[in-house]
Amino acid sequence: MIKITLTIMLLIVTNSYAGCRCVCMDGQVQAVCSSTLDIAPICTPRICPIETPSIAPIRTPKVPPIGTSGCVQKNVA
């Protein structure tokens, strides 16, 4: 009787991990489950890839040199 109970408990625990997986979120490894009833596994530590920024970098303003109102680039021979 005890062996049957332990076998059933082992099957339930093994199947509860089926809906969970370890993924990188916000730079950290976290368990993500498809149901709130699933038991989250212990995720092994690993390095998550660096995410590209979602916004474009700020452009530096182009200011003409002090004392001038504008500049023009010319080739001098």
PDB file of N, CA and C in Angstrom:
ATOM      1  N   MET A   1       0.823  -1.197   0.000  1.00  0.00           N
ATOM      2  CA  MET A   1       0.000   0.000   0.000  1.00  0.00           C
ATOM      3  C   MET A   1       0.863   1.256   0.000  1.00  0.00           C
ATOM      4  N   ILE A   2       1.940   1.254   0.788  1.00  0.00           N
ATOM      5  CA  ILE A   2       2.822   2.414   0.864  1.00  0.00           C
ATOM      6  C   ILE A   2       3.521   2.636  -0.473  1.00  0.00           C
ATOM      7  N   LYS A   3       3.915   1.535  -1.132  1.00  0.00           N
ATOM      8  CA  LYS A   3       4.589   1.668  -2.432  1.00  0.00           C
ATOM      9  C   LYS A   3       3.668   2.286  -3.472  1.00  0.00           C
ATOM     10  N   ILE A   4       2.420   1.918  -3.462  1.00  0.00           N
ATOM     11  CA  ILE A   4       1.459   2.468  -4.425  1.00  0.00           C
ATOM     12  C   ILE A   4       1.257   3.958  -4.167  1.00  0.00           C
ATOM     13  N   THR A   5       1.124   4.330  -2.908  1.00  0.00           N
ATOM     14  CA  THR A   5       0.944   5.740  -2.553  1.00  0.00           C
ATOM     15  C   THR A   5       2.154   6.570  -2.965  1.00  0.00           C
ATOM     16  N   LEU A   6       3.353   6.058  -2.701  1.00  0.00           N
ATOM     17  CA  LEU A   6       4.568   6.779  -3.089  1.00  0.00           C
ATOM     18  C   LEU A   6       4.690   6.899  -4.607  1.00  0.00           C
ATOM     19  N   THR A   7       4.319   5.860  -5.327  1.00  0.00           N
ATOM     20  CA  THR A   7       4.370   5.896  -6.786  1.00  0.00           C
ATOM     21  C   THR A   7       3.401   6.942  -7.336  1.00  0.00           C
ATOM     22  N   ILE A   8       2.210   6.997  -6.804  1.00  0.00           N
ATOM     23  CA  ILE A   8       1.217   7.990  -7.249  1.00  0.00           C
ATOM     24  C   ILE A   8       1.703   9.401  -6.943  1.00  0.00           C
ATOM     25  N   MET A   9       2.265   9.605  -5.744  1.00  0.00           N
ATOM     26  CA  MET A   9       2.783  10.937  -5.390  1.00  0.00           C
ATOM     27  C   MET A   9       3.929  11.337  -6.305  1.00  0.00           C
ATOM     28  N   LEU A  10       4.784  10.392  -6.656  1.00  0.00           N
ATOM     29  CA  LEU A  10       5.907  10.680  -7.551  1.00  0.00           C
ATOM     30  C   LEU A  10       5.416  11.074  -8.930  1.00  0.00           C
ATOM     31  N   LEU A  11       4.395  10.407  -9.430  1.00  0.00           N
ATOM     32  CA  LEU A  11       3.830  10.742 -10.735  1.00  0.00           C
ATOM     33  C   LEU A  11       3.187  12.128 -10.732  1.00  0.00           C
ATOM     34  N   ILE A  12       2.513  12.458  -9.650  1.00  0.00           N
ATOM     35  CA  ILE A  12       1.876  13.783  -9.553  1.00  0.00           C
ATOM     36  C   ILE A  12       2.931  14.876  -9.537  1.00  0.00           C
ATOM     37  N   VAL A  13       3.988  14.706  -8.755  1.00  0.00           N
ATOM     38  CA  VAL A  13       5.048  15.713  -8.674  1.00  0.00           C
ATOM     39  C   VAL A  13       5.780  15.822  -9.996  1.00  0.00           C
ATOM     40  N   THR A  14       6.053  14.703 -10.665  1.00  0.00           N
ATOM     41  CA  THR A  14       6.759  14.722 -11.945  1.00  0.00           C
ATOM     42  C   THR A  14       5.928  15.440 -13.003  1.00  0.00           C
ATOM     43  N   ASN A  15       4.634  15.208 -13.038  1.00  0.00           N
ATOM     44  CA  ASN A  15       3.773  15.840 -14.036  1.00  0.00           C
ATOM     45  C   ASN A  15       3.532  17.315 -13.740  1.00  0.00           C
ATOM     46  N   SER A  16       3.696  17.736 -12.500  1.00  0.00           N
ATOM     47  CA  SER A  16       3.432  19.130 -12.167  1.00  0.00           C
ATOM     48  C   SER A  16       4.486  20.062 -12.774  1.00  0.00           C
ATOM     49  N   TYR A  17       5.670  19.546 -13.087  1.00  0.00           N
ATOM     50  CA  TYR A  17       6.704  20.356 -13.717  1.00  0.00           C
ATOM     51  C   TYR A  17       6.468  20.528 -15.218  1.00  0.00           C
ATOM     52  N   ALA A  18       5.543  19.787 -15.799  1.00  0.00           N
ATOM     53  CA  ALA A  18       5.355  19.794 -17.247  1.00  0.00           C
ATOM     54  C   ALA A  18       4.966  21.166 -17.774  1.00  0.00           C
ATOM     55  N   GLY A  19       4.219  21.954 -17.009  1.00  0.00           N
ATOM     56  CA  GLY A  19       3.770  23.246 -17.474  1.00  0.00           C
ATOM     57  C   GLY A  19       4.705  24.382 -17.112  1.00  0.00           C
ATOM     58  N   CYS A  20       5.865  24.093 -16.534  1.00  0.00           N
ATOM     59  CA  CYS A  20       6.798  25.129 -16.095  1.00  0.00           C
ATOM     60  C   CYS A  20       8.102  25.031 -16.871  1.00  0.00           C
ATOM     61  N   ARG A  21       8.733  26.185 -17.055  1.00  0.00           N
ATOM     62  CA  ARG A  21      10.054  26.212 -17.684  1.00  0.00           C
ATOM     63  C   ARG A  21      10.827  27.410 -17.154  1.00  0.00           C
ATOM     64  N   CYS A  22      12.133  27.327 -17.245  1.00  0.00           N
ATOM     65  CA  CYS A  22      13.000  28.407 -16.774  1.00  0.00           C
ATOM     66  C   CYS A  22      13.357  29.313 -17.949  1.00  0.00           C
ATOM     67  N   VAL A  23      13.095  30.603 -17.806  1.00  0.00           N
ATOM     68  CA  VAL A  23      13.385  31.577 -18.867  1.00  0.00           C
ATOM     69  C   VAL A  23      14.049  32.813 -18.256  1.00  0.00           C
ATOM     70  N   CYS A  24      14.711  33.578 -19.113  1.00  0.00           N
ATOM     71  CA  CYS A  24      15.322  34.839 -18.686  1.00  0.00           C
ATOM     72  C   CYS A  24      14.278  35.946 -18.774  1.00  0.00           C
ATOM     73  N   MET A  25      14.040  36.609 -17.652  1.00  0.00           N
ATOM     74  CA  MET A  25      13.111  37.742 -17.619  1.00  0.00           C
ATOM     75  C   MET A  25      13.767  38.858 -16.828  1.00  0.00           C
ATOM     76  N   ASP A  26      13.846  40.033 -17.398  1.00  0.00           N
ATOM     77  CA  ASP A  26      14.438  41.198 -16.749  1.00  0.00           C
ATOM     78  C   ASP A  26      15.858  40.923 -16.265  1.00  0.00           C
ATOM     79  N   GLY A  27      16.607  40.134 -17.038  1.00  0.00           N
ATOM     80  CA  GLY A  27      18.006  39.855 -16.721  1.00  0.00           C
ATOM     81  C   GLY A  27      18.219  38.782 -15.673  1.00  0.00           C
ATOM     82  N   GLN A  28      17.161  38.090 -15.237  1.00  0.00           N
ATOM     83  CA  GLN A  28      17.282  37.037 -14.236  1.00  0.00           C
ATOM     84  C   GLN A  28      16.538  35.796 -14.706  1.00  0.00           C
ATOM     85  N   VAL A  29      17.017  34.620 -14.280  1.00  0.00           N
ATOM     86  CA  VAL A  29      16.361  33.362 -14.613  1.00  0.00           C
ATOM     87  C   VAL A  29      15.200  33.147 -13.650  1.00  0.00           C
ATOM     88  N   GLN A  30      14.012  32.938 -14.226  1.00  0.00           N
ATOM     89  CA  GLN A  30      12.821  32.740 -13.398  1.00  0.00           C
ATOM     90  C   GLN A  30      12.008  31.585 -13.963  1.00  0.00           C
ATOM     91  N   ALA A  31      11.282  30.895 -13.092  1.00  0.00           N
ATOM     92  CA  ALA A  31      10.386  29.824 -13.520  1.00  0.00           C
ATOM     93  C   ALA A  31       9.064  30.429 -13.972  1.00  0.00           C
ATOM     94  N   VAL A  32       8.618  30.021 -15.147  1.00  0.00           N
ATOM     95  CA  VAL A  32       7.341  30.491 -15.682  1.00  0.00           C
ATOM     96  C   VAL A  32       6.450  29.269 -15.849  1.00  0.00           C
ATOM     97  N   CYS A  33       5.275  29.292 -15.238  1.00  0.00           N
ATOM     98  CA  CYS A  33       4.351  28.158 -15.278  1.00  0.00           C
ATOM     99  C   CYS A  33       3.083  28.546 -16.033  1.00  0.00           C
ATOM    100  N   SER A  34       2.481  27.557 -16.686  1.00  0.00           N
ATOM    101  CA  SER A  34       1.252  27.819 -17.433  1.00  0.00           C
ATOM    102  C   SER A  34       0.026  27.828 -16.533  1.00  0.00           C
ATOM    103  N   SER A  35       0.152  27.308 -15.319  1.00  0.00           N
ATOM    104  CA  SER A  35      -0.967  27.270 -14.385  1.00  0.00           C
ATOM    105  C   SER A  35      -0.474  27.633 -12.992  1.00  0.00           C
ATOM    106  N   THR A  36      -1.340  28.216 -12.204  1.00  0.00           N
ATOM    107  CA  THR A  36      -0.964  28.560 -10.830  1.00  0.00           C
ATOM    108  C   THR A  36      -0.874  27.322  -9.941  1.00  0.00           C
ATOM    109  N   LEU A  37      -1.416  26.206 -10.399  1.00  0.00           N
ATOM    110  CA  LEU A  37      -1.368  24.970  -9.629  1.00  0.00           C
ATOM    111  C   LEU A  37      -0.054  24.214  -9.835  1.00  0.00           C
ATOM    112  N   ASP A  38       0.701  24.555 -10.885  1.00  0.00           N
ATOM    113  CA  ASP A  38       1.974  23.893 -11.152  1.00  0.00           C
ATOM    114  C   ASP A  38       3.007  24.278 -10.100  1.00  0.00           C
ATOM    115  N   ILE A  39       3.876  23.340  -9.787  1.00  0.00           N
ATOM    116  CA  ILE A  39       4.960  23.598  -8.841  1.00  0.00           C
ATOM    117  C   ILE A  39       6.161  24.084  -9.635  1.00  0.00           C
ATOM    118  N   ALA A  40       6.653  25.266  -9.298  1.00  0.00           N
ATOM    119  CA  ALA A  40       7.774  25.853 -10.032  1.00  0.00           C
ATOM    120  C   ALA A  40       9.067  25.085  -9.736  1.00  0.00           C
ATOM    121  N   PRO A  41       9.844  24.747 -10.781  1.00  0.00           N
ATOM    122  CA  PRO A  41      11.103  24.045 -10.554  1.00  0.00           C
ATOM    123  C   PRO A  41      12.177  24.998 -10.049  1.00  0.00           C
ATOM    124  N   ILE A  42      13.247  24.436  -9.521  1.00  0.00           N
ATOM    125  CA  ILE A  42      14.398  25.244  -9.118  1.00  0.00           C
ATOM    126  C   ILE A  42      15.249  25.440 -10.365  1.00  0.00           C
ATOM    127  N   CYS A  43      15.398  26.676 -10.795  1.00  0.00           N
ATOM    128  CA  CYS A  43      16.140  26.974 -12.023  1.00  0.00           C
ATOM    129  C   CYS A  43      17.631  27.072 -11.724  1.00  0.00           C
ATOM    130  N   THR A  44      18.428  26.483 -12.597  1.00  0.00           N
ATOM    131  CA  THR A  44      19.877  26.568 -12.428  1.00  0.00           C
ATOM    132  C   THR A  44      20.339  27.973 -12.789  1.00  0.00           C
ATOM    133  N   PRO A  45      21.310  28.508 -12.068  1.00  0.00           N
ATOM    134  CA  PRO A  45      21.790  29.856 -12.387  1.00  0.00           C
ATOM    135  C   PRO A  45      22.496  29.875 -13.734  1.00  0.00           C
ATOM    136  N   ARG A  46      22.267  30.899 -14.519  1.00  0.00           N
ATOM    137  CA  ARG A  46      22.937  31.080 -15.801  1.00  0.00           C
ATOM    138  C   ARG A  46      22.942  32.559 -16.149  1.00  0.00           C
ATOM    139  N   ILE A  47      23.738  32.902 -17.127  1.00  0.00           N
ATOM    140  CA  ILE A  47      23.849  34.296 -17.548  1.00  0.00           C
ATOM    141  C   ILE A  47      22.827  34.548 -18.646  1.00  0.00           C
ATOM    142  N   CYS A  48      21.995  35.537 -18.436  1.00  0.00           N
ATOM    143  CA  CYS A  48      20.979  35.892 -19.426  1.00  0.00           C
ATOM    144  C   CYS A  48      21.588  36.839 -20.452  1.00  0.00           C
ATOM    145  N   PRO A  49      21.163  36.739 -21.723  1.00  0.00           N
ATOM    146  CA  PRO A  49      21.690  37.654 -22.738  1.00  0.00           C
ATOM    147  C   PRO A  49      21.245  39.091 -22.478  1.00  0.00           C
ATOM    148  N   ILE A  50      22.076  40.030 -22.892  1.00  0.00           N
ATOM    149  CA  ILE A  50      21.760  41.445 -22.713  1.00  0.00           C
ATOM    150  C   ILE A  50      20.720  41.842 -23.751  1.00  0.00           C
ATOM    151  N   GLU A  51      19.663  42.465 -23.288  1.00  0.00           N
ATOM    152  CA  GLU A  51      18.591  42.888 -24.186  1.00  0.00           C
ATOM    153  C   GLU A  51      18.945  44.224 -24.826  1.00  0.00           C
ATOM    154  N   THR A  52      18.559  44.381 -26.083  1.00  0.00           N
ATOM    155  CA  THR A  52      18.791  45.650 -26.764  1.00  0.00           C
ATOM    156  C   THR A  52      17.815  46.689 -26.220  1.00  0.00           C
ATOM    157  N   PRO A  53      18.239  47.949 -26.149  1.00  0.00           N
ATOM    158  CA  PRO A  53      17.325  48.980 -25.624  1.00  0.00           C
ATOM    159  C   PRO A  53      16.101  49.131 -26.523  1.00  0.00           C
ATOM    160  N   SER A  54      14.973  49.399 -25.898  1.00  0.00           N
ATOM    161  CA  SER A  54      13.726  49.515 -26.649  1.00  0.00           C
ATOM    162  C   SER A  54      13.516  50.914 -27.230  1.00  0.00           C
ATOM    163  N   ILE A  55      14.299  51.895 -26.787  1.00  0.00           N
ATOM    164  CA  ILE A  55      14.165  53.244 -27.326  1.00  0.00           C
ATOM    165  C   ILE A  55      15.461  53.623 -28.046  1.00  0.00           C
ATOM    166  N   ALA A  56      15.354  54.524 -28.982  1.00  0.00           N
ATOM    167  CA  ALA A  56      16.528  54.973 -29.726  1.00  0.00           C
ATOM    168  C   ALA A  56      17.394  55.875 -28.842  1.00  0.00           C
ATOM    169  N   PRO A  57      18.720  55.856 -29.054  1.00  0.00           N
ATOM    170  CA  PRO A  57      19.575  56.734 -28.252  1.00  0.00           C
ATOM    171  C   PRO A  57      19.303  58.212 -28.540  1.00  0.00           C
ATOM    172  N   ILE A  58      19.578  59.057 -27.576  1.00  0.00           N
ATOM    173  CA  ILE A  58      19.356  60.504 -27.720  1.00  0.00           C
ATOM    174  C   ILE A  58      20.441  61.083 -28.628  1.00  0.00           C
ATOM    175  N   ARG A  59      20.029  61.845 -29.616  1.00  0.00           N
ATOM    176  CA  ARG A  59      20.984  62.476 -30.525  1.00  0.00           C
ATOM    177  C   ARG A  59      21.609  63.692 -29.850  1.00  0.00           C
ATOM    178  N   THR A  60      22.909  63.855 -30.045  1.00  0.00           N
ATOM    179  CA  THR A  60      23.582  65.021 -29.481  1.00  0.00           C
ATOM    180  C   THR A  60      23.281  66.241 -30.349  1.00  0.00           C
ATOM    181  N   PRO A  61      22.971  67.357 -29.742  1.00  0.00           N
ATOM    182  CA  PRO A  61      22.667  68.552 -30.535  1.00  0.00           C
ATOM    183  C   PRO A  61      23.932  69.089 -31.211  1.00  0.00           C
ATOM    184  N   LYS A  62      23.773  69.602 -32.417  1.00  0.00           N
ATOM    185  CA  LYS A  62      24.896  70.191 -33.151  1.00  0.00           C
ATOM    186  C   LYS A  62      24.841  71.697 -32.959  1.00  0.00           C
ATOM    187  N   VAL A  63      25.789  72.207 -32.211  1.00  0.00           N
ATOM    188  CA  VAL A  63      25.852  73.624 -31.886  1.00  0.00           C
ATOM    189  C   VAL A  63      27.019  74.233 -32.661  1.00  0.00           C
ATOM    190  N   PRO A  64      26.789  75.357 -33.371  1.00  0.00           N
ATOM    191  CA  PRO A  64      27.898  75.989 -34.087  1.00  0.00           C
ATOM    192  C   PRO A  64      28.925  76.554 -33.110  1.00  0.00           C
ATOM    193  N   PRO A  65      30.170  76.725 -33.560  1.00  0.00           N
ATOM    194  CA  PRO A  65      31.200  77.286 -32.679  1.00  0.00           C
ATOM    195  C   PRO A  65      30.793  78.655 -32.125  1.00  0.00           C
ATOM    196  N   ILE A  66      31.358  79.011 -30.967  1.00  0.00           N
ATOM    197  CA  ILE A  66      31.030  80.262 -30.295  1.00  0.00           C
ATOM    198  C   ILE A  66      31.435  81.441 -31.183  1.00  0.00           C
ATOM    199  N   GLY A  67      30.548  82.431 -31.314  1.00  0.00           N
ATOM    200  CA  GLY A  67      30.815  83.635 -32.096  1.00  0.00           C
ATOM    201  C   GLY A  67      30.400  83.539 -33.553  1.00  0.00           C
ATOM    202  N   THR A  68      29.832  82.435 -33.967  1.00  0.00           N
ATOM    203  CA  THR A  68      29.379  82.276 -35.354  1.00  0.00           C
ATOM    204  C   THR A  68      27.891  82.012 -35.373  1.00  0.00           C
ATOM    205  N   SER A  69      27.291  82.266 -36.524  1.00  0.00           N
ATOM    206  CA  SER A  69      25.866  82.002 -36.645  1.00  0.00           C
ATOM    207  C   SER A  69      25.635  80.714 -37.439  1.00  0.00           C
ATOM    208  N   GLY A  70      26.642  80.200 -38.097  1.00  0.00           N
ATOM    209  CA  GLY A  70      26.513  78.971 -38.868  1.00  0.00           C
ATOM    210  C   GLY A  70      27.847  78.575 -39.468  1.00  0.00           C
ATOM    211  N   CYS A  71      27.987  77.359 -39.866  1.00  0.00           N
ATOM    212  CA  CYS A  71      29.231  76.873 -40.452  1.00  0.00           C
ATOM    213  C   CYS A  71      28.945  76.173 -41.758  1.00  0.00           C
ATOM    214  N   VAL A  72      29.912  76.241 -42.670  1.00  0.00           N
ATOM    215  CA  VAL A  72      29.826  75.540 -43.944  1.00  0.00           C
ATOM    216  C   VAL A  72      31.156  74.826 -44.135  1.00  0.00           C
ATOM    217  N   GLN A  73      31.102  73.555 -44.508  1.00  0.00           N
ATOM    218  CA  GLN A  73      32.325  72.812 -44.705  1.00  0.00           C
ATOM    219  C   GLN A  73      32.812  73.036 -46.124  1.00  0.00           C
ATOM    220  N   LYS A  74      34.118  73.409 -46.289  1.00  0.00           N
ATOM    221  CA  LYS A  74      34.719  73.649 -47.596  1.00  0.00           C
ATOM    222  C   LYS A  74      36.071  72.966 -47.661  1.00  0.00           C
ATOM    223  N   ASN A  75      36.432  72.550 -48.879  1.00  0.00           N
ATOM    224  CA  ASN A  75      37.766  71.977 -49.103  1.00  0.00           C
ATOM    225  C   ASN A  75      38.696  73.104 -49.567  1.00  0.00           C
ATOM    226  N   VAL A  76      39.836  73.233 -48.938  1.00  0.00           N
ATOM    227  CA  VAL A  76      40.815  74.252 -49.303  1.00  0.00           C
ATOM    228  C   VAL A  76      41.973  73.555 -50.001  1.00  0.00           C
ATOM    229  N   ALA A  77      42.305  74.046 -51.208  1.00  0.00           N
ATOM    230  CA  ALA A  77      43.384  73.413 -51.971  1.00  0.00           C
ATOM    231  C   ALA A  77      44.713  74.066 -51.735  1.00  0.00           C
TER     232      ALA A  77
END
